[in-house]
C-alpha atoms as a PDB file:
ATOM      1  CA  MET A   1      13.572  -2.803  -0.953  1.00  0.00           C
ATOM      2  CA  SER A   2       9.978  -1.892  -0.024  1.00  0.00           C
ATOM      3  CA  ALA A   3       9.096   0.733   2.223  1.00  0.00           C
ATOM      4  CA  ARG A   4       6.216   1.536   4.255  1.00  0.00           C
ATOM      5  CA  SER A   5       5.322   3.887   6.459  1.00  0.00           C
ATOM      6  CA  VAL A   6       4.118   3.559  10.061  1.00  0.00           C
ATOM      7  CA  VAL A   7       2.142   5.708  12.022  1.00  0.00           C
ATOM      8  CA  VAL A   8       1.563   5.063  15.600  1.00  0.00           C
ATOM      9  CA  VAL A   9      -1.416   6.210  17.932  1.00  0.00           C
ATOM     10  CA  MET A  10      -1.191   5.963  21.437  1.00  0.00           C
ATOM     11  CA  PRO A  11      -1.735   8.063  24.884  1.00  0.00           C
ATOM     12  CA  PHE A  12       0.693  10.755  25.575  1.00  0.00           C
ATOM     13  CA  GLY A  13       0.946  10.981  28.964  1.00  0.00           C
ATOM     14  CA  GLY A  14      -0.425  14.146  29.036  1.00  0.00           C
ATOM     15  CA  THR A  15       0.880  17.011  31.375  1.00  0.00           C
ATOM     16  CA  ASP A  16       2.455  13.899  33.917  1.00  0.00           C
ATOM     17  CA  ARG A  17       6.384  14.343  33.096  1.00  0.00           C
ATOM     18  CA  THR A  18       6.726  10.628  34.086  1.00  0.00           C
ATOM     19  CA  GLU A  19       3.400   9.935  32.287  1.00  0.00           C
ATOM     20  CA  ARG A  20       5.021  11.391  29.017  1.00  0.00           C
ATOM     21  CA  ARG A  21       8.218   9.900  29.681  1.00  0.00           C
ATOM     22  CA  ARG A  22       6.747   6.844  29.648  1.00  0.00           C
ATOM     23  CA  ALA A  23       4.784   7.470  26.487  1.00  0.00           C
ATOM     24  CA  ILE A  24       7.809   8.070  24.960  1.00  0.00           C
ATOM     25  CA  LEU A  25       9.333   4.734  25.972  1.00  0.00           C
ATOM     26  CA  ASN A  26       6.074   2.740  24.751  1.00  0.00           C
ATOM     27  CA  PHE A  27       6.716   4.268  21.259  1.00  0.00           C
ATOM     28  CA  LYS A  28      10.074   3.391  21.387  1.00  0.00           C
ATOM     29  CA  ARG A  29       9.217  -0.209  21.996  1.00  0.00           C
ATOM     30  CA  LEU A  30       7.073  -0.873  19.323  1.00  0.00           C
ATOM     31  CA  GLU A  31       9.628   1.631  16.818  1.00  0.00           C
ATOM     32  CA  TYR A  32      12.294  -0.953  17.870  1.00  0.00           C
ATOM     33  CA  LEU A  33      10.500  -4.176  17.143  1.00  0.00           C
ATOM     34  CA  VAL A  34       8.898  -2.885  14.048  1.00  0.00           C
ATOM     35  CA  ARG A  35      12.068  -1.152  12.487  1.00  0.00           C
ATOM     36  CA  ASN A  36      14.887  -3.698  13.310  1.00  0.00           C
ATOM     37  CA  LYS A  37      12.770  -6.929  15.262  1.00  0.00           C
ATOM     38  CA  CYS A  38      10.041  -7.928  12.166  1.00  0.00           C
ATOM     39  CA  ASN A  39      11.283  -9.569   9.132  1.00  0.00           C
ATOM     40  CA  VAL A  40       9.059  -9.062   6.802  1.00  0.00           C
ATOM     41  CA  ILE A  41       9.097 -10.193   3.010  1.00  0.00           C
ATOM     42  CA  ALA A  42       7.692  -8.359   0.331  1.00  0.00           C
ATOM     43  CA  ALA A  43       4.392  -9.907  -1.811  1.00  0.00           C
ATOM     44  CA  SER A  44       6.343  -8.834  -4.991  1.00  0.00           C
ATOM     45  CA  PRO A  45       9.089  -9.614  -5.810  1.00  0.00           C
ATOM     46  CA  ALA A  46       8.954 -12.691  -3.435  1.00  0.00           C
ATOM     47  CA  THR A  47      12.503 -12.275  -2.738  1.00  0.00           C
ATOM     48  CA  ASP A  48      12.271  -8.627  -1.351  1.00  0.00           C
ATOM     49  CA  SER A  49      12.275  -6.849   2.059  1.00  0.00           C
ATOM     50  CA  VAL A  50      10.089  -5.019   3.519  1.00  0.00           C
ATOM     51  CA  VAL A  51      11.437  -1.509   5.421  1.00  0.00           C
ATOM     52  CA  TYR A  52       9.000   0.252   7.573  1.00  0.00           C
ATOM     53  CA  ALA A  53       9.495   4.334   8.631  1.00  0.00           C
ATOM     54  CA  VAL A  54       7.593   4.793  11.883  1.00  0.00           C
ATOM     55  CA  GLU A  55       6.582   7.798  13.455  1.00  0.00           C
ATOM     56  CA  VAL A  56       4.004   8.875  16.129  1.00  0.00           C
ATOM     57  CA  ALA A  57       0.810  10.829  15.193  1.00  0.00           C
ATOM     58  CA  LYS A  58       0.911  14.410  15.869  1.00  0.00           C
ATOM     59  CA  ALA A  59      -1.833  14.606  18.023  1.00  0.00           C
ATOM     60  CA  ALA A  60      -2.280  16.921  20.993  1.00  0.00           C
ATOM     61  CA  MET A  61      -3.849  15.459  24.408  1.00  0.00           C
ATOM     62  CA  ASP A  62      -7.007  17.797  23.841  1.00  0.00           C
ATOM     63  CA  GLU A  63      -7.233  17.684  20.135  1.00  0.00           C
ATOM     64  CA  ILE A  64      -6.871  15.857  16.874  1.00  0.00           C
ATOM     65  CA  PRO A  65      -6.437  18.091  14.017  1.00  0.00           C
ATOM     66  CA  GLU A  66      -6.707  18.106  10.630  1.00  0.00           C
ATOM     67  CA  ARG A  67      -3.186  17.107   9.788  1.00  0.00           C
ATOM     68  CA  THR A  68      -3.216  14.229  12.578  1.00  0.00           C
ATOM     69  CA  LEU A  69      -6.384  12.913  10.358  1.00  0.00           C
ATOM     70  CA  GLN A  70      -4.615  12.975   7.358  1.00  0.00           C
ATOM     71  CA  GLN A  71      -1.393  11.334   8.936  1.00  0.00           C
ATOM     72  CA  ILE A  72      -3.684   9.085   9.750  1.00  0.00           C
ATOM     73  CA  GLU A  73      -5.423   8.291   6.996  1.00  0.00           C
ATOM     74  CA  THR A  74      -2.655   8.202   4.415  1.00  0.00           C
ATOM     75  CA  ALA A  75       0.110   6.058   6.468  1.00  0.00           C
ATOM     76  CA  ASP A  76       0.435   2.540   4.757  1.00  0.00           C
ATOM     77  CA  ILE A  77       0.191   0.971   8.381  1.00  0.00           C
ATOM     78  CA  LEU A  78      -2.168   2.116  11.522  1.00  0.00           C
ATOM     79  CA  ILE A  79      -0.086   0.648  14.908  1.00  0.00           C
ATOM     80  CA  ALA A  80      -2.841   1.851  17.869  1.00  0.00           C
ATOM     81  CA  LEU A  81      -1.301   0.806  21.326  1.00  0.00           C
ATOM     82  CA  VAL A  82      -4.835   0.827  23.465  1.00  0.00           C
ATOM     83  CA  ALA A  83      -2.890   0.572  26.976  1.00  0.00           C
ATOM     84  CA  GLU A  84      -6.030   2.477  28.523  1.00  0.00           C
ATOM     85  CA  ARG A  85      -9.304   3.852  28.050  1.00  0.00           C
ATOM     86  CA  ASN A  86      -7.691   7.308  25.648  1.00  0.00           C
ATOM     87  CA  PRO A  87     -10.850   8.294  23.673  1.00  0.00           C
ATOM     88  CA  ASN A  88      -8.442  10.024  21.507  1.00  0.00           C
ATOM     89  CA  VAL A  89      -7.157   6.804  20.389  1.00  0.00           C
ATOM     90  CA  ILE A  90     -10.678   5.368  20.092  1.00  0.00           C
ATOM     91  CA  TYR A  91     -11.848   7.632  18.185  1.00  0.00           C
ATOM     92  CA  GLU A  92      -8.329   7.463  15.986  1.00  0.00           C
ATOM     93  CA  VAL A  93      -8.813   3.887  15.182  1.00  0.00           C
ATOM     94  CA  ALA A  94     -12.409   4.101  14.177  1.00  0.00           C
ATOM     95  CA  TYR A  95     -11.602   7.091  12.307  1.00  0.00           C
ATOM     96  CA  ARG A  96      -9.116   4.729  10.268  1.00  0.00           C
ATOM     97  CA  ARG A  97     -11.349   1.774   9.800  1.00  0.00           C
ATOM     98  CA  ALA A  98     -13.949   3.990   8.813  1.00  0.00           C
ATOM     99  CA  ARG A  99     -11.669   4.515   5.569  1.00  0.00           C
ATOM    100  CA  ASP A 100     -11.253   0.814   5.367  1.00  0.00           C
ATOM    101  CA  ARG A 101      -7.529   0.772   6.499  1.00  0.00           C
ATOM    102  CA  THR A 102      -5.087  -1.232   7.936  1.00  0.00           C
ATOM    103  CA  VAL A 103      -4.982  -0.821  11.586  1.00  0.00           C
ATOM    104  CA  VAL A 104      -2.611  -3.257  13.963  1.00  0.00           C
ATOM    105  CA  LEU A 105      -4.115  -3.271  17.676  1.00  0.00           C
ATOM    106  CA  VAL A 106      -1.789  -3.477  20.515  1.00  0.00           C
ATOM    107  CA  VAL A 107      -3.546  -3.974  23.493  1.00  0.00           C
ATOM    108  CA  ASP A 108      -2.589  -3.805  27.874  1.00  0.00           C
ATOM    109  CA  SER A 109      -6.584  -5.844  28.258  1.00  0.00           C
ATOM    110  CA  ALA A 110      -9.315  -6.728  25.968  1.00  0.00           C
ATOM    111  CA  ASP A 111     -11.755  -4.648  28.266  1.00  0.00           C
ATOM    112  CA  ASN A 112     -10.257  -1.811  27.121  1.00  0.00           C
ATOM    113  CA  LEU A 113     -11.230  -1.840  23.970  1.00  0.00           C
ATOM    114  CA  PRO A 114     -15.001  -0.861  22.675  1.00  0.00           C
ATOM    115  CA  LEU A 115     -17.437  -3.518  22.045  1.00  0.00           C
ATOM    116  CA  TYR A 116     -17.043  -3.123  17.829  1.00  0.00           C
ATOM    117  CA  LEU A 117     -13.154  -3.448  18.290  1.00  0.00           C
ATOM    118  CA  LYS A 118     -13.156  -6.396  20.664  1.00  0.00           C
ATOM    119  CA  SER A 119     -13.655  -8.794  17.763  1.00  0.00           C
ATOM    120  CA  LEU A 120     -10.433  -7.367  15.591  1.00  0.00           C
ATOM    121  CA  ALA A 121      -7.379  -9.616  16.401  1.00  0.00           C
ATOM    122  CA  HIS A 122      -4.832  -7.719  18.550  1.00  0.00           C
ATOM    123  CA  GLN A 123      -1.303  -8.011  20.063  1.00  0.00           C
ATOM    124  CA  ASN A 124      -0.703  -8.560  23.696  1.00  0.00           C
ATOM    125  CA  TRP A 125       1.295  -5.700  24.796  1.00  0.00           C
ATOM    126  CA  LYS A 126       1.550  -6.936  28.659  1.00  0.00           C
ATOM    127  CA  GLN A 127       5.305  -8.271  29.366  1.00  0.00           C
ATOM    128  CA  ASP A 128       6.356  -8.085  33.015  1.00  0.00           C
ATOM    129  CA  GLU A 129      10.267  -7.509  32.773  1.00  0.00           C
ATOM    130  CA  VAL A 130       9.979  -4.922  29.241  1.00  0.00           C
ATOM    131  CA  MET A 131       7.047  -3.346  31.542  1.00  0.00           C
ATOM    132  CA  GLU A 132       9.477  -2.492  35.017  1.00  0.00           C
ATOM    133  CA  ARG A 133      12.515  -1.841  32.780  1.00  0.00           C
ATOM    134  CA  ILE A 134      10.209   1.246  30.900  1.00  0.00           C
ATOM    135  CA  ASN A 135       9.006   2.124  34.546  1.00  0.00           C
ATOM    136  CA  GLN A 136      12.562   2.649  35.484  1.00  0.00           C
ATOM    137  CA  ILE A 137      13.672   4.651  32.961  1.00  0.00           C
ATOM    138  CA  ALA A 138      10.775   7.074  33.107  1.00  0.00           C
ATOM    139  CA  ASN A 139      11.400   7.182  37.199  1.00  0.00           C
ATOM    140  CA  ASP A 140      14.824   7.607  36.455  1.00  0.00           C
ATOM    141  CA  SER A 141      14.997  11.910  36.291  1.00  0.00           C
ATOM    142  CA  PHE A 142      18.189  11.461  35.075  1.00  0.00           C
ATOM    143  CA  ARG A 143      17.618  10.342  32.577  1.00  0.00           C
ATOM    144  CA  GLU A 144      17.139  12.571  29.198  1.00  0.00           C
ATOM    145  CA  LEU A 145      13.791  11.792  27.247  1.00  0.00           C
ATOM    146  CA  SER A 146      13.210  14.907  25.481  1.00  0.00           C
ATOM    147  CA  ASP A 147      11.054  13.802  22.795  1.00  0.00           C
ATOM    148  CA  PHE A 148       9.703  10.761  20.813  1.00  0.00           C
ATOM    149  CA  SER A 149      12.820  11.421  18.092  1.00  0.00           C
ATOM    150  CA  VAL A 150      14.984  10.510  20.846  1.00  0.00           C
ATOM    151  CA  GLY A 151      17.021   7.342  20.585  1.00  0.00           C
ATOM    152  CA  ILE A 152      15.767   4.048  22.057  1.00  0.00           C
ATOM    153  CA  PRO A 153      17.945   3.367  25.466  1.00  0.00           C
ATOM    154  CA  ASP A 154      20.329   0.452  25.399  1.00  0.00           C
ATOM    155  CA  ASP A 155      19.049  -1.405  28.874  1.00  0.00           C
ATOM    156  CA  LEU A 156      15.495  -1.307  26.786  1.00  0.00           C
ATOM    157  CA  LYS A 157      16.591  -2.482  23.760  1.00  0.00           C
ATOM    158  CA  ARG A 158      18.445  -5.609  25.564  1.00  0.00           C
ATOM    159  CA  ALA A 159      14.936  -6.001  27.574  1.00  0.00           C
ATOM    160  CA  ILE A 160      13.367  -6.109  24.316  1.00  0.00           C
ATOM    161  CA  ASP A 161      15.889  -8.598  22.823  1.00  0.00           C
ATOM    162  CA  ILE A 162      15.461 -10.875  25.849  1.00  0.00           C
ATOM    163  CA  TYR A 163      11.864 -10.718  26.855  1.00  0.00           C
ATOM    164  CA  ASP A 164       9.349  -9.417  23.907  1.00  0.00           C
ATOM    165  CA  SER A 165       9.537 -12.638  21.751  1.00  0.00           C
ATOM    166  CA  GLU A 166       5.907 -12.890  21.823  1.00  0.00           C
ATOM    167  CA  LEU A 167       5.307  -9.318  20.791  1.00  0.00           C
ATOM    168  CA  GLN A 168       7.482  -9.051  18.182  1.00  0.00           C
ATOM    169  CA  THR A 169       6.712 -12.789  17.167  1.00  0.00           C
ATOM    170  CA  GLY A 170       2.648 -11.355  16.581  1.00  0.00           C
ATOM    171  CA  LEU A 171       3.636  -8.215  15.269  1.00  0.00           C
ATOM    172  CA  GLU A 172       5.748  -9.975  12.555  1.00  0.00           C
ATOM    173  CA  GLU A 173       2.901 -12.253  11.488  1.00  0.00           C
ATOM    174  CA  ALA A 174       0.602  -9.185  11.433  1.00  0.00           C
ATOM    175  CA  LEU A 175       2.813  -6.982   9.395  1.00  0.00           C
ATOM    176  CA  GLN A 176       3.434 -10.166   6.907  1.00  0.00           C
ATOM    177  CA  GLU A 177      -0.565 -10.809   6.648  1.00  0.00           C
ATOM    178  CA  ILE A 178      -0.667  -7.202   5.652  1.00  0.00           C
ATOM    179  CA  GLU A 179       1.711  -7.064   3.008  1.00  0.00           C
ATOM    180  CA  ALA A 180       0.683 -10.169   1.123  1.00  0.00           C
ATOM    181  CA  ALA A 181      -2.561  -7.978   0.552  1.00  0.00           C
ATOM    182  CA  PHE A 182      -0.532  -4.860   0.490  1.00  0.00           C
ATOM    183  CA  GLU A 183      -2.312  -2.409  -2.051  1.00  0.00           C
ATOM    184  CA  PRO A 184      -0.405   1.089  -1.895  1.00  0.00           C
ATOM    185  CA  HIS A 185      -2.430   3.956  -0.918  1.00  0.00           C
ATOM    186  CA  PRO A 186      -3.216   6.274  -3.971  1.00  0.00           C
ATOM    187  CA  THR A 187      -1.397   9.761  -3.941  1.00  0.00           C
ATOM    188  CA  GLU A 188      -3.641  12.743  -4.437  1.00  0.00           C
ATOM    189  CA  ALA A 189      -2.878  12.848  -8.592  1.00  0.00           C
ATOM    190  CA  VAL A 190      -3.614   9.381  -8.739  1.00  0.00           C
ATOM    191  CA  GLN A 191      -6.624   9.123  -7.187  1.00  0.00           C
ATOM    192  CA  HIS A 192      -8.033  11.817  -9.672  1.00  0.00           C
ATOM    193  CA  LEU A 193      -6.503   9.650 -12.442  1.00  0.00           C
ATOM    194  CA  ARG A 194      -9.451   7.287 -10.756  1.00  0.00           C
ATOM    195  CA  GLY A 195     -12.230   9.233 -11.122  1.00  0.00           C
ATOM    196  CA  ILE A 196     -12.108   8.811 -14.682  1.00  0.00           C
ATOM    197  CA  VAL A 197     -12.362   4.670 -14.357  1.00  0.00           C
ATOM    198  CA  SER A 198     -14.775   4.790 -11.424  1.00  0.00           C
ATOM    199  CA  ASP A 199     -18.182   3.675 -10.951  1.00  0.00           C
ATOM    200  CA  LYS A 200     -19.553   7.533 -10.753  1.00  0.00           C
ATOM    201  CA  THR A 201     -17.979   8.136 -13.958  1.00  0.00           C
ATOM    202  CA  SER A 202     -18.937   7.045 -17.662  1.00  0.00           C
ATOM    203  CA  SER A 203     -16.109   6.154 -20.039  1.00  0.00           C
ATOM    204  CA  PHE A 204     -16.725   6.001 -23.941  1.00  0.00           C
ATOM    205  CA  TYR A 205     -13.760   3.233 -23.679  1.00  0.00           C
ATOM    206  CA  PRO A 206     -12.799   0.389 -22.054  1.00  0.00           C
ATOM    207  CA  CYS A 207      -9.977   1.873 -19.473  1.00  0.00           C
ATOM    208  CA  SER A 208      -7.217   1.157 -17.060  1.00  0.00           C
ATOM    209  CA  ILE A 209      -4.480   2.697 -14.504  1.00  0.00           C
ATOM    210  CA  VAL A 210      -1.149   0.808 -15.042  1.00  0.00           C
ATOM    211  CA  GLU A 211       1.255   1.162 -11.942  1.00  0.00           C
ATOM    212  CA  VAL A 212       5.009   0.715 -13.105  1.00  0.00           C
ATOM    213  CA  ALA A 213       7.282   0.051  -9.995  1.00  0.00           C
ATOM    214  CA  PHE A 214      10.724   1.306 -10.613  1.00  0.00           C
ATOM    215  CA  SER A 215      14.364   0.770  -8.228  1.00  0.00           C
ATOM    216  CA  GLY A 216      16.217   3.417  -9.838  1.00  0.00           C
ATOM    217  CA  HIS A 217      16.162   5.820 -13.014  1.00  0.00           C
ATOM    218  CA  ASN A 218      15.037   3.412 -16.110  1.00  0.00           C
ATOM    219  CA  GLN A 219      15.408   0.532 -13.847  1.00  0.00           C
ATOM    220  CA  PHE A 220      11.952  -1.833 -12.805  1.00  0.00           C
ATOM    221  CA  ALA A 221      11.680  -2.838  -9.841  1.00  0.00           C
ATOM    222  CA  ASN A 222      10.902  -6.401 -11.053  1.00  0.00           C
ATOM    223  CA  PRO A 223      11.807  -6.781 -14.440  1.00  0.00           C
ATOM    224  CA  ASP A 224       9.958  -9.935 -15.374  1.00  0.00           C
ATOM    225  CA  ASN A 225       6.843  -8.591 -14.163  1.00  0.00           C
ATOM    226  CA  PRO A 226       7.140  -4.666 -14.002  1.00  0.00           C
ATOM    227  CA  ALA A 227       3.482  -3.604 -14.185  1.00  0.00           C
ATOM    228  CA  THR A 228       0.080  -4.401 -12.202  1.00  0.00           C
ATOM    229  CA  VAL A 229      -3.315  -2.931 -13.029  1.00  0.00           C
ATOM    230  CA  ARG A 230      -4.498  -1.287  -9.940  1.00  0.00           C
ATOM    231  CA  GLU A 231      -7.740   0.019 -11.065  1.00  0.00           C
ATOM    232  CA  PHE A 232     -10.157  -0.505 -14.418  1.00  0.00           C
ATOM    233  CA  ASP A 233     -13.785  -0.258 -15.231  1.00  0.00           C
ATOM    234  CA  ASP A 234     -16.315  -2.876 -16.636  1.00  0.00           C
ATOM    235  CA  GLY A 235     -15.577  -2.347 -20.267  1.00  0.00           C
ATOM    236  CA  PHE A 236     -11.504  -3.234 -19.290  1.00  0.00           C
ATOM    237  CA  SER A 237     -12.799  -6.276 -17.606  1.00  0.00           C
ATOM    238  CA  ARG A 238     -15.045  -7.932 -20.650  1.00  0.00           C
ATOM    239  CA  LEU A 239     -11.925  -7.025 -22.621  1.00  0.00           C
ATOM    240  CA  TYR A 240      -9.611  -9.012 -20.548  1.00  0.00           C
ATOM    241  CA  GLY A 241     -12.400 -12.053 -20.820  1.00  0.00           C
ATOM    242  CA  TYR A 242     -13.450 -11.580 -17.370  1.00  0.00           C
ATOM    243  CA  ALA A 243     -17.097 -11.758 -16.512  1.00  0.00           C
ATOM    244  CA  ASP A 244     -17.583  -8.363 -14.724  1.00  0.00           C
ATOM    245  CA  LYS A 245     -15.641  -6.080 -12.829  1.00  0.00           C
ATOM    246  CA  ALA A 246     -16.020  -8.345 -10.042  1.00  0.00           C
ATOM    247  CA  GLY A 247     -14.567 -11.414 -11.416  1.00  0.00           C
ATOM    248  CA  ALA A 248     -11.408  -9.300 -12.200  1.00  0.00           C
ATOM    249  CA  GLU A 249     -11.255  -8.113  -8.483  1.00  0.00           C
ATOM    250  CA  ARG A 250     -11.053 -12.012  -7.113  1.00  0.00           C
ATOM    251  CA  ASP A 251      -7.800 -12.290  -9.557  1.00  0.00           C
ATOM    252  CA  ARG A 252      -6.214  -9.464  -8.503  1.00  0.00           C
ATOM    253  CA  PRO A 253      -2.860  -9.046  -8.753  1.00  0.00           C
ATOM    254  CA  LEU A 254      -3.735  -8.281 -12.417  1.00  0.00           C
ATOM    255  CA  THR A 255      -0.248  -8.036 -13.441  1.00  0.00           C
ATOM    256  CA  LEU A 256       0.256  -7.302 -17.332  1.00  0.00           C
ATOM    257  CA  LYS A 257       2.168 -10.703 -18.142  1.00  0.00           C
ATOM    258  CA  LYS A 258      -1.562 -12.262 -16.323  1.00  0.00           C
ATOM    259  CA  LEU A 259      -3.790 -10.238 -18.064  1.00  0.00           C
ATOM    260  CA  LEU A 260      -2.029 -10.522 -21.685  1.00  0.00           C
ATOM    261  CA  GLY A 261      -1.806 -14.286 -21.072  1.00  0.00           C
ATOM    262  CA  ARG A 262      -5.723 -14.358 -21.284  1.00  0.00           C
ATOM    263  CA  ILE A 263      -6.226 -13.041 -24.513  1.00  0.00           C
ATOM    264  CA  GLU A 264      -2.912 -14.239 -26.808  1.00  0.00           C
ATOM    265  CA  LYS A 265      -5.133 -17.016 -28.136  1.00  0.00           C
ATOM    266  CA  PHE A 266      -7.807 -14.177 -29.379  1.00  0.00           C
ATOM    267  CA  VAL A 267      -5.404 -11.352 -30.841  1.00  0.00           C
ATOM    268  CA  ASP A 268      -4.490 -12.254 -34.578  1.00  0.00           C
ATOM    269  CA  ASN A 269      -1.748 -10.040 -34.483  1.00  0.00           C
ATOM    270  CA  TRP A 270      -0.314 -11.163 -31.029  1.00  0.00           C
ATOM    271  CA  ASN A 271       3.240 -11.161 -32.347  1.00  0.00           C
ATOM    272  CA  ASP A 272       3.374  -7.803 -33.681  1.00  0.00           C
ATOM    273  CA  PHE A 273       1.440  -6.242 -31.155  1.00  0.00           C
ATOM    274  CA  THR A 274       3.794  -7.624 -28.358  1.00  0.00           C
ATOM    275  CA  GLN A 275       6.687  -6.517 -30.296  1.00  0.00           C
ATOM    276  CA  GLU A 276       6.026  -2.910 -30.231  1.00  0.00           C
ATOM    277  CA  GLN A 277       4.620  -2.592 -26.715  1.00  0.00           C
ATOM    278  CA  VAL A 278       8.296  -3.641 -25.842  1.00  0.00           C
ATOM    279  CA  LYS A 279       9.502  -0.724 -27.568  1.00  0.00           C
ATOM    280  CA  LEU A 280       7.156   1.505 -26.334  1.00  0.00           C
ATOM    281  CA  ALA A 281       7.816   0.860 -22.638  1.00  0.00           C
ATOM    282  CA  ASN A 282      11.352   1.387 -23.036  1.00  0.00           C
ATOM    283  CA  THR A 283      10.353   4.757 -25.290  1.00  0.00           C
ATOM    284  CA  VAL A 284       7.443   6.309 -22.422  1.00  0.00           C
ATOM    285  CA  LEU A 285       8.698   4.375 -19.450  1.00  0.00           C
ATOM    286  CA  LYS A 286      12.174   4.127 -19.209  1.00  0.00           C
ATOM    287  CA  LYS A 287      13.243   6.922 -21.597  1.00  0.00           C
ATOM    288  CA  ASP A 288      10.218   9.516 -20.544  1.00  0.00           C
ATOM    289  CA  GLY A 289       9.912  10.292 -24.556  1.00  0.00           C
ATOM    290  CA  PHE A 290       6.882  10.344 -26.568  1.00  0.00           C
ATOM    291  CA  ALA A 291       5.801   7.489 -28.805  1.00  0.00           C
ATOM    292  CA  ARG A 292       2.221   6.388 -30.626  1.00  0.00           C
ATOM    293  CA  ALA A 293       1.363   3.141 -30.619  1.00  0.00           C
ATOM    294  CA  THR A 294       0.139   2.031 -34.306  1.00  0.00           C
ATOM    295  CA  VAL A 295      -0.402  -1.535 -33.707  1.00  0.00           C
ATOM    296  CA  PRO A 296      -3.783  -2.628 -32.155  1.00  0.00           C
ATOM    297  CA  LEU A 297      -5.407  -5.748 -30.678  1.00  0.00           C
ATOM    298  CA  HIS A 298      -7.145  -7.401 -33.228  1.00  0.00           C
ATOM    299  CA  PHE A 299      -9.814  -9.822 -31.636  1.00  0.00           C
ATOM    300  CA  ASN A 300     -10.918 -12.854 -33.597  1.00  0.00           C
ATOM    301  CA  LYS A 301     -13.775 -15.167 -33.473  1.00  0.00           C
ATOM    302  CA  GLU A 302     -12.088 -16.779 -30.387  1.00  0.00           C
ATOM    303  CA  HIS A 303     -12.904 -14.148 -28.089  1.00  0.00           C
ATOM    304  CA  GLY A 304     -15.494 -14.959 -25.358  1.00  0.00           C
ATOM    305  CA  ARG A 305     -17.528 -11.822 -25.648  1.00  0.00           C
ATOM    306  CA  LYS A 306     -19.148 -11.024 -28.803  1.00  0.00           C
ATOM    307  CA  GLU A 307     -18.903  -7.269 -28.699  1.00  0.00           C
ATOM    308  CA  TYR A 308     -15.282  -7.643 -28.844  1.00  0.00           C
ATOM    309  CA  GLN A 309     -15.070 -10.520 -31.838  1.00  0.00           C
ATOM    310  CA  GLY A 310     -14.000  -9.349 -34.986  1.00  0.00           C
ATOM    311  CA  LYS A 311     -12.543  -5.758 -33.570  1.00  0.00           C
ATOM    312  CA  SER A 312      -9.551  -4.171 -33.174  1.00  0.00           C
ATOM    313  CA  TYR A 313      -8.780  -1.944 -30.239  1.00  0.00           C
ATOM    314  CA  LEU A 314      -5.740   0.673 -29.723  1.00  0.00           C
ATOM    315  CA  PRO A 315      -4.386   0.997 -25.969  1.00  0.00           C
ATOM    316  CA  SER A 316      -3.517   4.843 -25.652  1.00  0.00           C
ATOM    317  CA  ILE A 317      -2.020   6.245 -22.879  1.00  0.00           C
ATOM    318  CA  ILE A 318      -3.512   9.480 -21.808  1.00  0.00           C
ATOM    319  CA  ALA A 319      -2.181  10.401 -18.681  1.00  0.00           C
ATOM    320  CA  LYS A 320       0.791   9.746 -16.580  1.00  0.00           C
ATOM    321  CA  VAL A 321       1.568  10.738 -12.978  1.00  0.00           C
ATOM    322  CA  THR A 322       4.944   9.767 -10.973  1.00  0.00           C
ATOM    323  CA  ASP A 323       5.016   9.610  -7.184  1.00  0.00           C
ATOM    324  CA  GLY A 324       8.464   9.870  -5.676  1.00  0.00           C
ATOM    325  CA  SER A 325      11.992  10.907  -6.685  1.00  0.00           C
ATOM    326  CA  LEU A 326      13.256   9.886 -10.435  1.00  0.00           C
ATOM    327  CA  ASP A 327      16.642   8.596  -8.590  1.00  0.00           C
ATOM    328  CA  GLY A 328      14.063   6.169  -7.505  1.00  0.00           C
ATOM    329  CA  PRO A 329      12.400   4.070  -5.671  1.00  0.00           C
ATOM    330  CA  TYR A 330       9.167   5.352  -7.610  1.00  0.00           C
ATOM    331  CA  LYS A 331       6.209   4.651  -9.425  1.00  0.00           C
ATOM    332  CA  THR A 332       4.697   5.826 -12.283  1.00  0.00           C
ATOM    333  CA  TYR A 333       0.645   5.879 -13.039  1.00  0.00           C
ATOM    334  CA  LEU A 334      -0.699   5.104 -16.749  1.00  0.00           C
ATOM    335  CA  LEU A 335      -4.304   5.861 -17.408  1.00  0.00           C
ATOM    336  CA  VAL A 336      -5.033   3.746 -20.293  1.00  0.00           C
ATOM    337  CA  VAL A 337      -7.915   3.983 -22.918  1.00  0.00           C
ATOM    338  CA  TYR A 338      -8.336   1.035 -25.439  1.00  0.00           C
ATOM    339  CA  ILE A 339      -9.957   3.347 -28.303  1.00  0.00           C
ATOM    340  CA  GLU A 340     -12.026   0.878 -30.732  1.00  0.00           C
ATOM    341  CA  LEU A 341     -10.426   1.416 -34.259  1.00  0.00           C
ATOM    342  CA  PRO A 342     -13.240   1.502 -37.703  1.00  0.00           C
ATOM    343  CA  ASP A 343     -12.810  -0.871 -39.922  1.00  0.00           C
ATOM    344  CA  THR A 344     -10.781   1.267 -42.766  1.00  0.00           C
ATOM    345  CA  LEU A 345      -8.005   1.241 -39.967  1.00  0.00           C
ATOM    346  CA  ARG A 346      -7.983  -2.377 -38.729  1.00  0.00           C
ATOM    347  CA  PRO A 347      -5.065  -4.668 -39.733  1.00  0.00           C
ATOM    348  CA  GLY A 348      -5.132  -6.625 -42.803  1.00  0.00           C
END
């Protein structure tokens, strides 16, 4: 089961008590639809379902504190409710989009969107029966609605179940489209690793960052294909037979199974190499131990790049970051460099 964080930005109703209660109910409507009604299948593994942790952005009426901007930036998915011309919400959407992060727009009317957002796909918020039920509850002073953590009222839930199929379908399709191309936002530690393979940093060897997902301690989330390359430099692209980094980017997801399949026929000692890699994975990844690779990739004259023909490269893990509790689910990120061996250390 894959978990995604969803942050909702929306008008909060200001100091008016009824408007504040209406804002809480608007959030509960979105939360209920996303968490309980939308059925989304994870891209990998194909049979895995997605669950959503939904929270409201912690912004005040007259300011957007730094912690809120960080929350908006790092969420896997941002849902923006634009039910009125609210400058905070518009700014938060722009802030998120400036960082090339996913936004789902839910609108009362496209007229409430500024020109630069009108071209984005958006979901229709206006459903008369559901909105009427929200207004009734908001105006009933005997109904307790203390804050955004309150449970959804049963009569609002029933109204959503009966009348909100259009919004449910729209959200479900938008979330499924996002999931199909989902790339997790890196933790701070992983971002430091990425700096080593960025365009601003020259690396001496081909290098990459490999993500390995675990469902529990020592248990791969996808045993048949546990590892995916998330970041890499130009040297890594050429090593694995791509013309350049852009060509490799177009071939995502870059699973190790796919990448190794690209070079198998160019490696003379393939069986020895793959057998040792399995042992290393079990020691380093599953048992959190130390192991040293001794079998390099020895490329023959058939490799498409002359600079790699007849040369040997030893994959070496030089950094490891674990994101999440070892009880699972969690992910491990490895910074791998391919070190060229001198002639005296090459096999044969």
